[in-house]
Amino acid sequence: MLVRVVVWSGICVFALACGLLPGLAQPPVERVPSPAERVLLATHYQLGANDMSWTWQDEEATPEYCAAELREDGPYHVEIVYRNRWQRTIRIRDEKDALRYEIQGRAHTTFYIDGDMLYYADYRGSGTAVVAVNLTTHTERWRTHLRGVGPSLRDSYWNRVVVRAYQGVVAVRGLEDGKYIEYLDAATGHILAHRIFNEPVGEG
């Protein structure tokens, strides 16, 4: 009897470690980098930004392009409603077609879905913010106002940004009064690196 109990306990521990007992397993906790790790990340991405050459494709800065990039077999799909020439409603739906999140956006609102996290550009005033949303809880995790090219007199309707997320980092390429790139910590929204490309917008 003692041997049977020990063996059964060992099986339970193994199953729990493998995630085979979902009723008992604890949900994974996303790890936030320590201050020292964030400094190393910032240095790494700043060096990468400094060596980067500028690339830009206008079609990438649209919600239609972002929706087309989603995996067909993924858990989410996108519905885009055209309110008028400049405004769009972007609805993120799950496999059961349930609404997970809705963005009141514009013709150049871009977004990226990484796992169950949504990252999208929010144009307000003369600048741009990036917003992170947990699609499983429908809650906003963070909102970061981009440094961009600094203060601008242009209306934000002119702004264009492309948002991507990978390996715990959100990468943003922006076109405003100038060209820039920023890297954000995907867990916290802290800006890790930023670079303004010096050449005029019409070149390169």
N, C-alpha and C. Protein backbone atom coordinates (compact mmCIF):
# COMPACT_ATOMS: atom_id res chain seq x y z
N MET A 1 0.84 -1.21 0.00
CA MET A 1 0.00 0.00 0.00
C MET A 1 0.87 1.25 0.00
N LEU A 2 1.94 1.24 0.79
CA LEU A 2 2.82 2.39 0.88
C LEU A 2 3.48 2.65 -0.47
N VAL A 3 3.89 1.58 -1.14
CA VAL A 3 4.52 1.73 -2.45
C VAL A 3 3.55 2.33 -3.44
N ARG A 4 2.27 1.88 -3.40
CA ARG A 4 1.26 2.37 -4.33
C ARG A 4 1.00 3.86 -4.11
N VAL A 5 0.95 4.28 -2.84
CA VAL A 5 0.71 5.70 -2.54
C VAL A 5 1.86 6.56 -3.03
N VAL A 6 3.10 6.08 -2.81
CA VAL A 6 4.27 6.83 -3.24
C VAL A 6 4.30 6.97 -4.75
N VAL A 7 4.00 5.87 -5.45
CA VAL A 7 4.00 5.89 -6.91
C VAL A 7 2.93 6.85 -7.42
N TRP A 8 1.73 6.79 -6.85
CA TRP A 8 0.63 7.67 -7.27
C TRP A 8 0.98 9.14 -7.01
N SER A 9 1.62 9.42 -5.87
CA SER A 9 2.03 10.79 -5.57
C SER A 9 3.04 11.28 -6.59
N GLY A 10 3.98 10.39 -6.96
CA GLY A 10 4.98 10.77 -7.95
C GLY A 10 4.35 11.07 -9.30
N ILE A 11 3.35 10.28 -9.69
CA ILE A 11 2.65 10.52 -10.96
C ILE A 11 1.95 11.86 -10.94
N CYS A 12 1.30 12.18 -9.81
CA CYS A 12 0.59 13.46 -9.69
C CYS A 12 1.55 14.64 -9.79
N VAL A 13 2.69 14.52 -9.12
CA VAL A 13 3.68 15.59 -9.17
C VAL A 13 4.19 15.78 -10.60
N PHE A 14 4.45 14.67 -11.29
CA PHE A 14 4.92 14.75 -12.68
C PHE A 14 3.86 15.38 -13.58
N ALA A 15 2.61 14.96 -13.41
CA ALA A 15 1.52 15.50 -14.24
C ALA A 15 1.33 16.99 -13.97
N LEU A 16 1.45 17.39 -12.71
CA LEU A 16 1.30 18.80 -12.36
C LEU A 16 2.41 19.63 -13.00
N ALA A 17 3.63 19.08 -12.96
CA ALA A 17 4.76 19.80 -13.55
C ALA A 17 4.60 19.95 -15.06
N CYS A 18 3.95 18.98 -15.70
CA CYS A 18 3.76 19.02 -17.15
C CYS A 18 2.50 19.77 -17.54
N GLY A 19 1.75 20.22 -16.57
CA GLY A 19 0.53 20.96 -16.88
C GLY A 19 -0.63 20.05 -17.25
N LEU A 20 -0.55 18.77 -16.87
CA LEU A 20 -1.61 17.82 -17.21
C LEU A 20 -2.75 17.83 -16.22
N LEU A 21 -2.61 18.58 -15.13
CA LEU A 21 -3.69 18.73 -14.15
C LEU A 21 -4.06 20.21 -14.08
N PRO A 22 -4.81 20.69 -15.06
CA PRO A 22 -5.11 22.13 -15.12
C PRO A 22 -5.88 22.64 -13.93
N GLY A 23 -6.65 21.78 -13.28
CA GLY A 23 -7.43 22.23 -12.14
C GLY A 23 -6.55 22.58 -10.95
N LEU A 24 -5.35 21.99 -10.89
CA LEU A 24 -4.46 22.23 -9.77
C LEU A 24 -3.30 23.14 -10.13
N ALA A 25 -2.95 23.18 -11.41
CA ALA A 25 -1.79 23.97 -11.83
C ALA A 25 -2.07 25.46 -11.69
N GLN A 26 -1.06 26.22 -11.34
CA GLN A 26 -1.17 27.66 -11.22
C GLN A 26 -0.91 28.31 -12.58
N PRO A 27 -1.63 29.39 -12.92
CA PRO A 27 -1.38 30.06 -14.20
C PRO A 27 0.01 30.64 -14.25
N PRO A 28 0.64 30.63 -15.43
CA PRO A 28 2.00 31.16 -15.54
C PRO A 28 2.03 32.64 -15.23
N VAL A 29 3.09 33.06 -14.58
CA VAL A 29 3.27 34.46 -14.23
C VAL A 29 4.32 35.06 -15.15
N GLU A 30 3.97 36.12 -15.85
CA GLU A 30 4.92 36.75 -16.75
C GLU A 30 6.01 37.45 -15.95
N ARG A 31 7.23 37.15 -16.31
CA ARG A 31 8.36 37.68 -15.56
C ARG A 31 8.71 39.08 -16.05
N VAL A 32 8.82 40.03 -15.13
CA VAL A 32 9.21 41.39 -15.45
C VAL A 32 10.71 41.54 -15.24
N PRO A 33 11.44 42.07 -16.21
CA PRO A 33 12.89 42.21 -16.05
C PRO A 33 13.24 43.08 -14.85
N SER A 34 14.33 42.73 -14.19
CA SER A 34 14.83 43.54 -13.09
C SER A 34 15.44 44.82 -13.65
N PRO A 35 15.67 45.83 -12.79
CA PRO A 35 16.30 47.07 -13.29
C PRO A 35 17.63 46.82 -14.00
N ALA A 36 18.44 45.91 -13.44
CA ALA A 36 19.73 45.62 -14.08
C ALA A 36 19.54 44.97 -15.44
N GLU A 37 18.58 44.05 -15.52
CA GLU A 37 18.31 43.39 -16.81
C GLU A 37 17.76 44.39 -17.82
N ARG A 38 16.95 45.34 -17.34
CA ARG A 38 16.39 46.34 -18.25
C ARG A 38 17.49 47.24 -18.83
N VAL A 39 18.51 47.53 -18.01
CA VAL A 39 19.64 48.33 -18.51
C VAL A 39 20.36 47.57 -19.61
N LEU A 40 20.57 46.28 -19.42
CA LEU A 40 21.23 45.47 -20.44
C LEU A 40 20.40 45.40 -21.71
N LEU A 41 19.08 45.22 -21.55
CA LEU A 41 18.19 45.19 -22.71
C LEU A 41 18.22 46.51 -23.46
N ALA A 42 18.16 47.60 -22.69
CA ALA A 42 18.17 48.93 -23.30
C ALA A 42 19.45 49.15 -24.09
N THR A 43 20.58 48.74 -23.52
CA THR A 43 21.86 48.90 -24.22
C THR A 43 21.88 48.08 -25.51
N HIS A 44 21.38 46.85 -25.42
CA HIS A 44 21.36 45.96 -26.58
C HIS A 44 20.52 46.55 -27.71
N TYR A 45 19.31 46.99 -27.38
CA TYR A 45 18.42 47.50 -28.43
C TYR A 45 18.81 48.88 -28.92
N GLN A 46 19.43 49.68 -28.07
CA GLN A 46 19.90 50.98 -28.53
C GLN A 46 21.04 50.83 -29.53
N LEU A 47 21.94 49.90 -29.25
CA LEU A 47 23.03 49.63 -30.20
C LEU A 47 22.47 49.13 -31.53
N GLY A 48 21.45 48.27 -31.44
CA GLY A 48 20.83 47.77 -32.67
C GLY A 48 20.15 48.88 -33.45
N ALA A 49 19.46 49.78 -32.74
CA ALA A 49 18.79 50.90 -33.41
C ALA A 49 19.80 51.83 -34.06
N ASN A 50 20.93 52.05 -33.40
CA ASN A 50 21.96 52.95 -33.93
C ASN A 50 22.55 52.43 -35.24
N ASP A 51 22.59 51.10 -35.39
CA ASP A 51 23.16 50.50 -36.59
C ASP A 51 22.13 50.23 -37.69
N MET A 52 20.88 50.51 -37.40
CA MET A 52 19.80 50.13 -38.30
C MET A 52 19.65 51.13 -39.45
N SER A 53 19.32 50.62 -40.64
CA SER A 53 18.99 51.49 -41.76
C SER A 53 17.47 51.63 -41.82
N TRP A 54 17.01 52.74 -42.34
CA TRP A 54 15.57 53.04 -42.36
C TRP A 54 14.88 52.29 -43.50
N THR A 55 13.76 51.64 -43.17
CA THR A 55 12.90 51.00 -44.17
C THR A 55 11.46 51.39 -43.88
N TRP A 56 10.67 51.55 -44.92
CA TRP A 56 9.27 51.93 -44.73
C TRP A 56 8.43 51.52 -45.93
N GLN A 57 7.27 50.93 -45.64
CA GLN A 57 6.29 50.60 -46.67
C GLN A 57 4.94 51.16 -46.22
N ASP A 58 4.37 52.06 -47.02
CA ASP A 58 3.12 52.71 -46.61
C ASP A 58 2.00 51.72 -46.31
N GLU A 59 1.92 50.64 -47.09
CA GLU A 59 0.81 49.70 -46.90
C GLU A 59 0.86 48.99 -45.56
N GLU A 60 2.05 48.93 -44.93
CA GLU A 60 2.15 48.28 -43.63
C GLU A 60 1.48 49.10 -42.53
N ALA A 61 1.31 50.40 -42.76
CA ALA A 61 0.75 51.28 -41.73
C ALA A 61 -0.76 51.39 -41.87
N THR A 62 -1.44 50.24 -42.03
CA THR A 62 -2.89 50.21 -42.15
C THR A 62 -3.44 49.03 -41.34
N PRO A 63 -4.66 49.13 -40.84
CA PRO A 63 -5.25 48.00 -40.11
C PRO A 63 -5.50 46.81 -41.02
N GLU A 64 -5.75 47.06 -42.30
CA GLU A 64 -5.99 45.96 -43.24
C GLU A 64 -4.74 45.08 -43.38
N TYR A 65 -3.58 45.71 -43.46
CA TYR A 65 -2.34 44.95 -43.55
C TYR A 65 -2.12 44.14 -42.28
N CYS A 66 -2.36 44.77 -41.13
CA CYS A 66 -2.18 44.07 -39.84
C CYS A 66 -3.12 42.87 -39.73
N ALA A 67 -4.36 43.03 -40.18
CA ALA A 67 -5.32 41.92 -40.12
C ALA A 67 -4.89 40.78 -41.04
N ALA A 68 -4.37 41.11 -42.20
CA ALA A 68 -3.94 40.09 -43.15
C ALA A 68 -2.74 39.31 -42.64
N GLU A 69 -1.96 39.91 -41.74
CA GLU A 69 -0.78 39.24 -41.20
C GLU A 69 -1.11 38.18 -40.15
N LEU A 70 -2.32 38.22 -39.60
CA LEU A 70 -2.69 37.25 -38.57
C LEU A 70 -2.71 35.84 -39.15
N ARG A 71 -2.27 34.88 -38.35
CA ARG A 71 -2.29 33.49 -38.78
C ARG A 71 -3.73 33.02 -38.96
N GLU A 72 -4.00 32.33 -40.07
CA GLU A 72 -5.36 31.86 -40.33
C GLU A 72 -5.82 30.83 -39.30
N ASP A 73 -4.86 30.08 -38.75
CA ASP A 73 -5.21 29.07 -37.76
C ASP A 73 -5.06 29.58 -36.33
N GLY A 74 -4.86 30.88 -36.18
CA GLY A 74 -4.71 31.46 -34.85
C GLY A 74 -6.04 31.62 -34.12
N PRO A 75 -5.98 31.97 -32.84
CA PRO A 75 -7.20 32.05 -32.03
C PRO A 75 -8.01 33.33 -32.23
N TYR A 76 -7.48 34.30 -32.98
CA TYR A 76 -8.17 35.58 -33.13
C TYR A 76 -8.30 35.96 -34.60
N HIS A 77 -9.38 36.68 -34.89
CA HIS A 77 -9.54 37.27 -36.20
C HIS A 77 -10.07 38.69 -36.04
N VAL A 78 -10.00 39.47 -37.10
CA VAL A 78 -10.28 40.90 -37.01
C VAL A 78 -11.42 41.29 -37.95
N GLU A 79 -12.28 42.15 -37.43
CA GLU A 79 -13.35 42.76 -38.23
C GLU A 79 -13.10 44.27 -38.27
N ILE A 80 -13.08 44.84 -39.46
CA ILE A 80 -12.84 46.27 -39.62
C ILE A 80 -14.10 46.93 -40.18
N VAL A 81 -14.61 47.92 -39.45
CA VAL A 81 -15.80 48.66 -39.86
C VAL A 81 -15.37 50.05 -40.31
N TYR A 82 -15.76 50.43 -41.51
CA TYR A 82 -15.39 51.74 -42.06
C TYR A 82 -16.46 52.76 -41.67
N ARG A 83 -16.11 53.64 -40.72
CA ARG A 83 -17.08 54.64 -40.27
C ARG A 83 -17.14 55.83 -41.22
N ASN A 84 -16.01 56.22 -41.75
CA ASN A 84 -15.92 57.26 -42.78
C ASN A 84 -14.54 57.17 -43.41
N ARG A 85 -14.15 58.17 -44.16
CA ARG A 85 -12.88 58.11 -44.87
C ARG A 85 -11.70 57.93 -43.94
N TRP A 86 -11.75 58.54 -42.74
CA TRP A 86 -10.59 58.56 -41.86
C TRP A 86 -10.71 57.65 -40.66
N GLN A 87 -11.90 57.23 -40.28
CA GLN A 87 -12.11 56.52 -39.02
C GLN A 87 -12.49 55.06 -39.24
N ARG A 88 -11.95 54.20 -38.36
CA ARG A 88 -12.22 52.76 -38.43
C ARG A 88 -12.55 52.23 -37.03
N THR A 89 -13.44 51.26 -36.98
CA THR A 89 -13.65 50.48 -35.76
C THR A 89 -13.03 49.11 -36.00
N ILE A 90 -12.08 48.74 -35.15
CA ILE A 90 -11.36 47.48 -35.31
C ILE A 90 -11.77 46.55 -34.18
N ARG A 91 -12.39 45.43 -34.52
CA ARG A 91 -12.89 44.49 -33.52
C ARG A 91 -12.08 43.20 -33.56
N ILE A 92 -11.55 42.83 -32.40
CA ILE A 92 -10.80 41.58 -32.26
C ILE A 92 -11.75 40.52 -31.71
N ARG A 93 -11.91 39.43 -32.45
CA ARG A 93 -12.83 38.36 -32.04
C ARG A 93 -12.07 37.05 -31.88
N ASP A 94 -12.59 36.18 -31.01
CA ASP A 94 -11.92 34.90 -30.78
C ASP A 94 -12.50 33.82 -31.68
N GLU A 95 -12.12 32.57 -31.42
CA GLU A 95 -12.54 31.45 -32.27
C GLU A 95 -14.05 31.25 -32.28
N LYS A 96 -14.72 31.66 -31.19
CA LYS A 96 -16.18 31.53 -31.11
C LYS A 96 -16.88 32.79 -31.59
N ASP A 97 -16.12 33.69 -32.19
CA ASP A 97 -16.62 34.96 -32.72
C ASP A 97 -17.06 35.92 -31.62
N ALA A 98 -16.62 35.65 -30.39
CA ALA A 98 -16.94 36.57 -29.28
C ALA A 98 -16.00 37.77 -29.34
N LEU A 99 -16.55 38.95 -29.07
CA LEU A 99 -15.75 40.17 -29.10
C LEU A 99 -14.82 40.20 -27.90
N ARG A 100 -13.50 40.33 -28.17
CA ARG A 100 -12.51 40.39 -27.10
C ARG A 100 -12.04 41.82 -26.83
N TYR A 101 -12.02 42.64 -27.90
CA TYR A 101 -11.62 44.04 -27.71
C TYR A 101 -12.01 44.84 -28.95
N GLU A 102 -12.28 46.12 -28.72
CA GLU A 102 -12.67 47.01 -29.82
C GLU A 102 -11.83 48.28 -29.78
N ILE A 103 -11.26 48.64 -30.91
CA ILE A 103 -10.46 49.85 -31.03
C ILE A 103 -11.22 50.86 -31.88
N GLN A 104 -11.41 52.06 -31.33
CA GLN A 104 -11.94 53.15 -32.14
C GLN A 104 -10.75 53.85 -32.77
N GLY A 105 -10.42 53.43 -33.99
CA GLY A 105 -9.18 53.86 -34.61
C GLY A 105 -9.37 54.71 -35.84
N ARG A 106 -8.29 54.76 -36.61
CA ARG A 106 -8.24 55.58 -37.81
C ARG A 106 -7.77 54.74 -38.99
N ALA A 107 -7.68 55.39 -40.15
CA ALA A 107 -7.29 54.68 -41.35
C ALA A 107 -5.87 54.13 -41.27
N HIS A 108 -5.06 54.66 -40.34
CA HIS A 108 -3.68 54.21 -40.19
C HIS A 108 -3.40 53.67 -38.78
N THR A 109 -4.44 53.19 -38.10
CA THR A 109 -4.24 52.53 -36.81
C THR A 109 -3.67 51.13 -37.05
N THR A 110 -2.50 50.88 -36.50
CA THR A 110 -1.87 49.58 -36.68
C THR A 110 -1.87 48.81 -35.36
N PHE A 111 -1.77 47.49 -35.47
CA PHE A 111 -1.81 46.64 -34.28
C PHE A 111 -1.05 45.36 -34.55
N TYR A 112 -0.77 44.65 -33.46
CA TYR A 112 -0.09 43.37 -33.56
C TYR A 112 -0.56 42.49 -32.40
N ILE A 113 -0.86 41.23 -32.68
CA ILE A 113 -1.29 40.29 -31.65
C ILE A 113 -0.19 39.25 -31.45
N ASP A 114 0.29 39.16 -30.21
CA ASP A 114 1.33 38.21 -29.84
C ASP A 114 0.78 37.35 -28.72
N GLY A 115 0.43 36.10 -29.03
CA GLY A 115 -0.23 35.26 -28.03
C GLY A 115 -1.60 35.82 -27.71
N ASP A 116 -1.82 36.14 -26.44
CA ASP A 116 -3.08 36.74 -26.00
C ASP A 116 -2.93 38.23 -25.72
N MET A 117 -1.84 38.82 -26.18
CA MET A 117 -1.61 40.25 -25.98
C MET A 117 -1.80 41.01 -27.28
N LEU A 118 -2.51 42.10 -27.19
CA LEU A 118 -2.73 43.01 -28.31
C LEU A 118 -1.94 44.29 -28.07
N TYR A 119 -1.21 44.73 -29.08
CA TYR A 119 -0.49 46.00 -29.01
C TYR A 119 -0.96 46.85 -30.19
N TYR A 120 -1.37 48.09 -29.90
CA TYR A 120 -1.87 48.92 -31.00
C TYR A 120 -1.48 50.38 -30.82
N ALA A 121 -1.48 51.11 -31.95
CA ALA A 121 -1.14 52.52 -31.96
C ALA A 121 -2.39 53.35 -31.68
N ASP A 122 -2.25 54.30 -30.78
CA ASP A 122 -3.36 55.20 -30.42
C ASP A 122 -2.91 56.63 -30.69
N TYR A 123 -3.53 57.25 -31.67
CA TYR A 123 -3.14 58.62 -32.06
C TYR A 123 -3.96 59.63 -31.27
N ARG A 124 -3.28 60.43 -30.49
CA ARG A 124 -3.94 61.46 -29.69
C ARG A 124 -3.15 62.76 -29.79
N GLY A 125 -3.86 63.88 -30.00
CA GLY A 125 -3.19 65.17 -30.05
C GLY A 125 -2.17 65.20 -31.17
N SER A 126 -0.95 65.58 -30.86
CA SER A 126 0.11 65.67 -31.87
C SER A 126 1.07 64.49 -31.79
N GLY A 127 0.79 63.53 -30.91
CA GLY A 127 1.70 62.41 -30.74
C GLY A 127 1.01 61.08 -30.88
N THR A 128 1.72 60.02 -30.52
CA THR A 128 1.22 58.65 -30.64
C THR A 128 1.56 57.88 -29.38
N ALA A 129 0.62 57.06 -28.94
CA ALA A 129 0.86 56.15 -27.82
C ALA A 129 0.73 54.72 -28.31
N VAL A 130 1.40 53.79 -27.63
CA VAL A 130 1.20 52.37 -27.86
C VAL A 130 0.50 51.80 -26.64
N VAL A 131 -0.54 51.01 -26.89
CA VAL A 131 -1.36 50.45 -25.81
C VAL A 131 -1.25 48.93 -25.84
N ALA A 132 -1.08 48.33 -24.67
CA ALA A 132 -1.03 46.87 -24.54
C ALA A 132 -2.31 46.40 -23.85
N VAL A 133 -2.97 45.40 -24.43
CA VAL A 133 -4.24 44.89 -23.91
C VAL A 133 -4.16 43.37 -23.77
N ASN A 134 -4.59 42.87 -22.63
CA ASN A 134 -4.71 41.42 -22.42
C ASN A 134 -6.06 40.98 -22.98
N LEU A 135 -6.06 40.19 -24.04
CA LEU A 135 -7.31 39.80 -24.70
C LEU A 135 -8.10 38.78 -23.91
N THR A 136 -7.47 38.08 -22.99
CA THR A 136 -8.21 37.11 -22.18
C THR A 136 -9.01 37.78 -21.07
N THR A 137 -8.54 38.92 -20.60
CA THR A 137 -9.23 39.63 -19.52
C THR A 137 -9.87 40.93 -19.99
N HIS A 138 -9.66 41.30 -21.26
CA HIS A 138 -10.22 42.54 -21.84
C HIS A 138 -9.69 43.79 -21.13
N THR A 139 -8.52 43.71 -20.53
CA THR A 139 -8.02 44.84 -19.74
C THR A 139 -6.76 45.44 -20.36
N GLU A 140 -6.61 46.75 -20.20
CA GLU A 140 -5.43 47.44 -20.67
C GLU A 140 -4.31 47.23 -19.66
N ARG A 141 -3.17 46.77 -20.13
CA ARG A 141 -2.04 46.52 -19.23
C ARG A 141 -1.18 47.76 -19.07
N TRP A 142 -0.89 48.43 -20.17
CA TRP A 142 -0.11 49.67 -20.08
C TRP A 142 -0.35 50.52 -21.31
N ARG A 143 0.02 51.78 -21.19
CA ARG A 143 -0.08 52.75 -22.28
C ARG A 143 1.16 53.63 -22.21
N THR A 144 1.91 53.68 -23.30
CA THR A 144 3.15 54.45 -23.33
C THR A 144 3.11 55.47 -24.45
N HIS A 145 3.34 56.74 -24.09
CA HIS A 145 3.41 57.79 -25.10
C HIS A 145 4.80 57.77 -25.71
N LEU A 146 4.87 57.63 -27.02
CA LEU A 146 6.15 57.53 -27.71
C LEU A 146 6.89 58.86 -27.71
N ARG A 147 8.19 58.78 -27.71
CA ARG A 147 9.00 60.00 -27.82
C ARG A 147 8.93 60.57 -29.22
N GLY A 148 8.85 59.68 -30.22
CA GLY A 148 8.74 60.13 -31.59
C GLY A 148 9.89 61.02 -32.00
N VAL A 149 9.55 62.13 -32.65
CA VAL A 149 10.58 63.10 -33.05
C VAL A 149 10.50 64.35 -32.19
N GLY A 150 9.76 64.26 -31.08
CA GLY A 150 9.63 65.41 -30.20
C GLY A 150 8.37 66.20 -30.51
N PRO A 151 8.21 67.38 -29.90
CA PRO A 151 7.02 68.21 -30.12
C PRO A 151 6.79 68.51 -31.60
N SER A 152 5.52 68.45 -32.00
CA SER A 152 5.18 68.69 -33.40
C SER A 152 3.92 69.54 -33.48
N LEU A 153 3.86 70.39 -34.50
CA LEU A 153 2.67 71.20 -34.73
C LEU A 153 1.68 70.48 -35.64
N ARG A 154 2.07 69.36 -36.19
CA ARG A 154 1.18 68.62 -37.08
C ARG A 154 0.09 67.92 -36.28
N ASP A 155 -1.08 67.77 -36.89
CA ASP A 155 -2.15 66.98 -36.29
C ASP A 155 -1.78 65.50 -36.36
N SER A 156 -2.22 64.71 -35.37
CA SER A 156 -1.86 63.30 -35.32
C SER A 156 -2.45 62.49 -36.47
N TYR A 157 -3.42 63.05 -37.22
CA TYR A 157 -3.95 62.34 -38.37
C TYR A 157 -2.85 62.08 -39.41
N TRP A 158 -1.77 62.88 -39.35
CA TRP A 158 -0.68 62.71 -40.30
C TRP A 158 0.28 61.63 -39.84
N ASN A 159 0.25 61.27 -38.58
CA ASN A 159 1.20 60.31 -38.04
C ASN A 159 0.98 58.91 -38.62
N ARG A 160 2.08 58.19 -38.78
CA ARG A 160 2.04 56.80 -39.22
C ARG A 160 3.01 56.01 -38.36
N VAL A 161 2.58 54.89 -37.81
CA VAL A 161 3.50 54.00 -37.10
C VAL A 161 3.18 52.56 -37.47
N VAL A 162 4.20 51.73 -37.41
CA VAL A 162 4.05 50.29 -37.61
C VAL A 162 4.47 49.61 -36.32
N VAL A 163 3.59 48.77 -35.78
CA VAL A 163 3.82 48.11 -34.49
C VAL A 163 4.08 46.63 -34.71
N ARG A 164 5.12 46.12 -34.08
CA ARG A 164 5.44 44.69 -34.10
C ARG A 164 5.83 44.26 -32.69
N ALA A 165 5.67 42.98 -32.38
CA ALA A 165 6.06 42.46 -31.07
C ALA A 165 6.73 41.10 -31.24
N TYR A 166 7.83 40.89 -30.53
CA TYR A 166 8.55 39.62 -30.59
C TYR A 166 9.53 39.54 -29.44
N GLN A 167 9.70 38.36 -28.90
CA GLN A 167 10.70 38.08 -27.86
C GLN A 167 10.65 39.09 -26.71
N GLY A 168 9.45 39.44 -26.28
CA GLY A 168 9.30 40.32 -25.12
C GLY A 168 9.53 41.78 -25.39
N VAL A 169 9.58 42.18 -26.66
CA VAL A 169 9.83 43.57 -27.03
C VAL A 169 8.81 44.03 -28.06
N VAL A 170 8.35 45.27 -27.94
CA VAL A 170 7.47 45.88 -28.94
C VAL A 170 8.32 46.85 -29.74
N ALA A 171 8.39 46.65 -31.05
CA ALA A 171 9.17 47.52 -31.94
C ALA A 171 8.22 48.43 -32.70
N VAL A 172 8.54 49.71 -32.73
CA VAL A 172 7.69 50.70 -33.40
C VAL A 172 8.53 51.51 -34.37
N ARG A 173 8.13 51.54 -35.64
CA ARG A 173 8.71 52.44 -36.62
C ARG A 173 7.71 53.55 -36.87
N GLY A 174 8.16 54.80 -36.81
CA GLY A 174 7.25 55.93 -36.93
C GLY A 174 7.66 56.92 -37.99
N LEU A 175 6.63 57.53 -38.60
CA LEU A 175 6.83 58.56 -39.62
C LEU A 175 5.94 59.74 -39.26
N GLU A 176 6.56 60.81 -38.78
CA GLU A 176 5.81 62.01 -38.40
C GLU A 176 6.45 63.20 -39.12
N ASP A 177 7.04 64.14 -38.37
CA ASP A 177 7.85 65.19 -38.98
C ASP A 177 9.22 64.65 -39.34
N GLY A 178 9.50 63.44 -38.93
CA GLY A 178 10.76 62.77 -39.21
C GLY A 178 10.55 61.28 -39.05
N LYS A 179 11.64 60.54 -39.16
CA LYS A 179 11.59 59.09 -39.06
C LYS A 179 12.22 58.65 -37.75
N TYR A 180 11.62 57.66 -37.10
CA TYR A 180 12.18 57.20 -35.83
C TYR A 180 11.83 55.75 -35.59
N ILE A 181 12.55 55.15 -34.66
CA ILE A 181 12.26 53.80 -34.20
C ILE A 181 12.36 53.78 -32.69
N GLU A 182 11.47 53.03 -32.04
CA GLU A 182 11.50 52.87 -30.59
C GLU A 182 11.26 51.40 -30.24
N TYR A 183 11.91 50.98 -29.16
CA TYR A 183 11.71 49.64 -28.62
C TYR A 183 11.14 49.78 -27.21
N LEU A 184 10.07 49.03 -26.93
CA LEU A 184 9.42 49.06 -25.63
C LEU A 184 9.45 47.67 -25.00
N ASP A 185 9.56 47.63 -23.69
CA ASP A 185 9.45 46.38 -22.94
C ASP A 185 8.00 45.92 -23.02
N ALA A 186 7.76 44.74 -23.57
CA ALA A 186 6.39 44.27 -23.78
C ALA A 186 5.65 44.04 -22.47
N ALA A 187 6.36 43.76 -21.38
CA ALA A 187 5.71 43.49 -20.10
C ALA A 187 5.30 44.76 -19.37
N THR A 188 6.08 45.83 -19.53
CA THR A 188 5.85 47.04 -18.73
C THR A 188 5.57 48.30 -19.55
N GLY A 189 5.95 48.29 -20.82
CA GLY A 189 5.79 49.49 -21.64
C GLY A 189 6.94 50.47 -21.52
N HIS A 190 7.94 50.18 -20.70
CA HIS A 190 9.09 51.08 -20.57
C HIS A 190 9.83 51.17 -21.90
N ILE A 191 10.24 52.38 -22.25
CA ILE A 191 10.99 52.59 -23.48
C ILE A 191 12.43 52.11 -23.27
N LEU A 192 12.86 51.17 -24.09
CA LEU A 192 14.20 50.61 -23.99
C LEU A 192 15.19 51.35 -24.87
N ALA A 193 14.75 51.77 -26.05
CA ALA A 193 15.66 52.42 -27.00
C ALA A 193 14.86 53.32 -27.91
N HIS A 194 15.55 54.33 -28.45
CA HIS A 194 14.90 55.33 -29.30
C HIS A 194 15.94 55.94 -30.22
N ARG A 195 15.56 56.09 -31.48
CA ARG A 195 16.48 56.74 -32.43
C ARG A 195 15.68 57.53 -33.45
N ILE A 196 16.14 58.75 -33.72
CA ILE A 196 15.58 59.58 -34.79
C ILE A 196 16.53 59.52 -35.97
N PHE A 197 16.00 59.21 -37.15
CA PHE A 197 16.82 59.20 -38.36
C PHE A 197 16.89 60.62 -38.90
N ASN A 198 18.07 61.08 -39.18
CA ASN A 198 18.29 62.51 -39.45
C ASN A 198 17.83 62.97 -40.82
N GLU A 199 17.78 62.05 -41.80
CA GLU A 199 17.44 62.49 -43.14
C GLU A 199 15.99 62.95 -43.20
N PRO A 200 15.67 63.91 -44.08
CA PRO A 200 14.28 64.38 -44.22
C PRO A 200 13.33 63.24 -44.59
N VAL A 201 12.05 63.43 -44.27
CA VAL A 201 11.05 62.37 -44.49
C VAL A 201 11.00 61.95 -45.95
N GLY A 202 11.16 62.87 -46.87
CA GLY A 202 11.02 62.55 -48.28
C GLY A 202 12.16 61.77 -48.87
N GLU A 203 13.22 61.52 -48.09
CA GLU A 203 14.38 60.80 -48.61
C GLU A 203 14.47 59.42 -47.99
N GLY A 204 15.30 58.60 -48.56
CA GLY A 204 15.59 57.30 -47.99
C GLY A 204 14.60 56.25 -48.43
